Protein backbone atom coordinates (compact mmCIF):
# COMPACT_ATOMS: atom_id res chain seq x y z
CA MET A 1 34.36 1.74 12.57
CA PHE A 2 32.96 0.70 9.07
CA PHE A 3 32.28 -2.90 10.54
CA LEU A 4 29.86 -1.33 13.07
CA ILE A 5 28.17 0.94 9.96
CA PHE A 6 27.99 -2.84 8.39
CA SER A 7 26.24 -4.72 10.99
CA ILE A 8 23.57 -2.05 11.91
CA LEU A 9 22.42 -1.91 7.78
CA LEU A 10 23.06 -5.71 8.10
CA TYR A 11 21.03 -6.23 11.23
CA PHE A 12 17.86 -4.02 9.58
CA LEU A 13 18.16 -5.52 6.35
CA PRO A 14 14.44 -6.94 6.61
CA ALA A 15 13.62 -3.60 7.73
CA LEU A 16 15.18 -1.71 5.34
CA ILE A 17 13.66 -4.36 2.15
CA GLY A 18 10.05 -4.31 3.99
CA ARG A 19 9.80 -0.74 4.18
CA HIS A 20 7.51 0.08 1.42
CA LYS A 21 4.90 -2.61 2.58
CA ALA A 22 1.85 -2.57 4.04
CA ASP A 23 2.91 -4.75 7.00
CA ALA A 24 5.99 -2.37 7.44
CA MET A 25 6.16 -1.81 11.33
CA GLY A 26 5.20 -5.21 11.57
CA ILE A 27 8.61 -6.43 9.82
CA PHE A 28 10.51 -3.37 11.59
CA LEU A 29 9.24 -4.25 15.40
CA VAL A 30 10.05 -8.06 14.32
CA ASN A 31 13.53 -7.25 13.50
CA LEU A 32 14.48 -4.70 16.19
CA LEU A 33 12.63 -6.82 19.11
CA PHE A 34 13.79 -10.28 17.76
CA GLY A 35 16.24 -10.37 15.08
CA TRP A 36 19.29 -10.79 17.73
CA THR A 37 17.79 -14.40 17.34
CA VAL A 38 18.77 -16.16 13.71
CA ILE A 39 15.03 -17.32 13.72
CA GLY A 40 13.75 -13.81 14.30
CA TRP A 41 15.75 -11.88 12.02
CA VAL A 42 15.15 -14.79 9.62
CA ILE A 43 11.48 -14.52 9.57
CA ALA A 44 11.85 -10.53 9.43
CA LEU A 45 13.98 -11.26 5.85
CA ILE A 46 10.65 -13.98 4.91
CA TRP A 47 8.45 -11.15 5.45
CA ALA A 48 10.18 -8.56 3.90
CA CYS A 49 10.98 -10.58 0.80
CA ALA A 50 7.07 -11.92 -0.20
CA ALA A 51 4.96 -11.02 -2.35
CA GLU A 52 2.14 -8.44 -0.94
CA ARG A 53 -1.44 -9.98 -1.16
CA TYR A 54 -3.05 -9.28 -4.76
CA VAL A 55 -6.35 -7.25 -4.44
CA PRO A 56 -8.05 -7.30 -6.81
CA VAL A 57 -9.47 -3.58 -8.39
CA ARG A 58 -12.69 -3.48 -10.11
CA PHE A 59 -13.25 -1.39 -12.93
CA VAL A 60 -16.47 -0.04 -13.64
CA PRO A 61 -17.05 0.99 -17.23
CA THR A 62 -19.08 4.67 -16.98
CA PHE A 63 -20.56 5.96 -19.85
CA GLY A 64 -21.64 9.35 -18.82
CA ARG A 65 -20.43 11.73 -16.01
CA PHE A 66 -21.18 11.96 -12.32
CA CYS A 67 -23.24 14.84 -11.13
CA CYS A 68 -21.01 17.20 -8.60
CA GLN A 69 -24.31 17.73 -6.25
CA CYS A 70 -26.34 14.55 -6.02
CA GLY A 71 -24.06 12.11 -7.47
CA VAL A 72 -26.81 10.78 -10.34
CA LEU A 73 -25.25 9.17 -13.54
CA SER A 74 -26.02 11.07 -16.24
CA PRO A 75 -25.57 10.44 -19.91
CA TYR A 76 -22.48 11.00 -21.81
CA GLY A 77 -22.96 14.19 -23.72
CA ALA A 78 -25.72 16.01 -20.89
CA HIS A 79 -25.35 19.57 -20.11
CA PHE A 80 -27.26 19.30 -17.19
CA CYS A 81 -28.35 16.71 -14.54
CA ALA A 82 -31.69 15.05 -14.53
CA ALA A 83 -32.18 15.04 -11.27
CA CYS A 84 -31.02 18.33 -9.99
CA GLY A 85 -30.66 20.58 -12.75
CA ARG A 86 -27.71 21.58 -12.44
CA ALA A 87 -24.63 21.55 -15.31
CA VAL A 88 -22.27 18.27 -15.07
């Protein structure tokens, strides 16, 4: 019984490693459908261990607050929106 559980965990090791990646479903399907071949299992394992693509996040500094009504940027310290007059 222990050997069966160990074999299943070893077979689905690439899917377990890549479960938090963006391509988790693709890794699981390759592992499920082609994992019985050694090449398919190795491909799924390499795909699961590969690093995620770096997506740069652009930071735009704001020097004020956005109005919840119209979305216009009001200067820092303003209590009312310059465009619509609503409280910021």
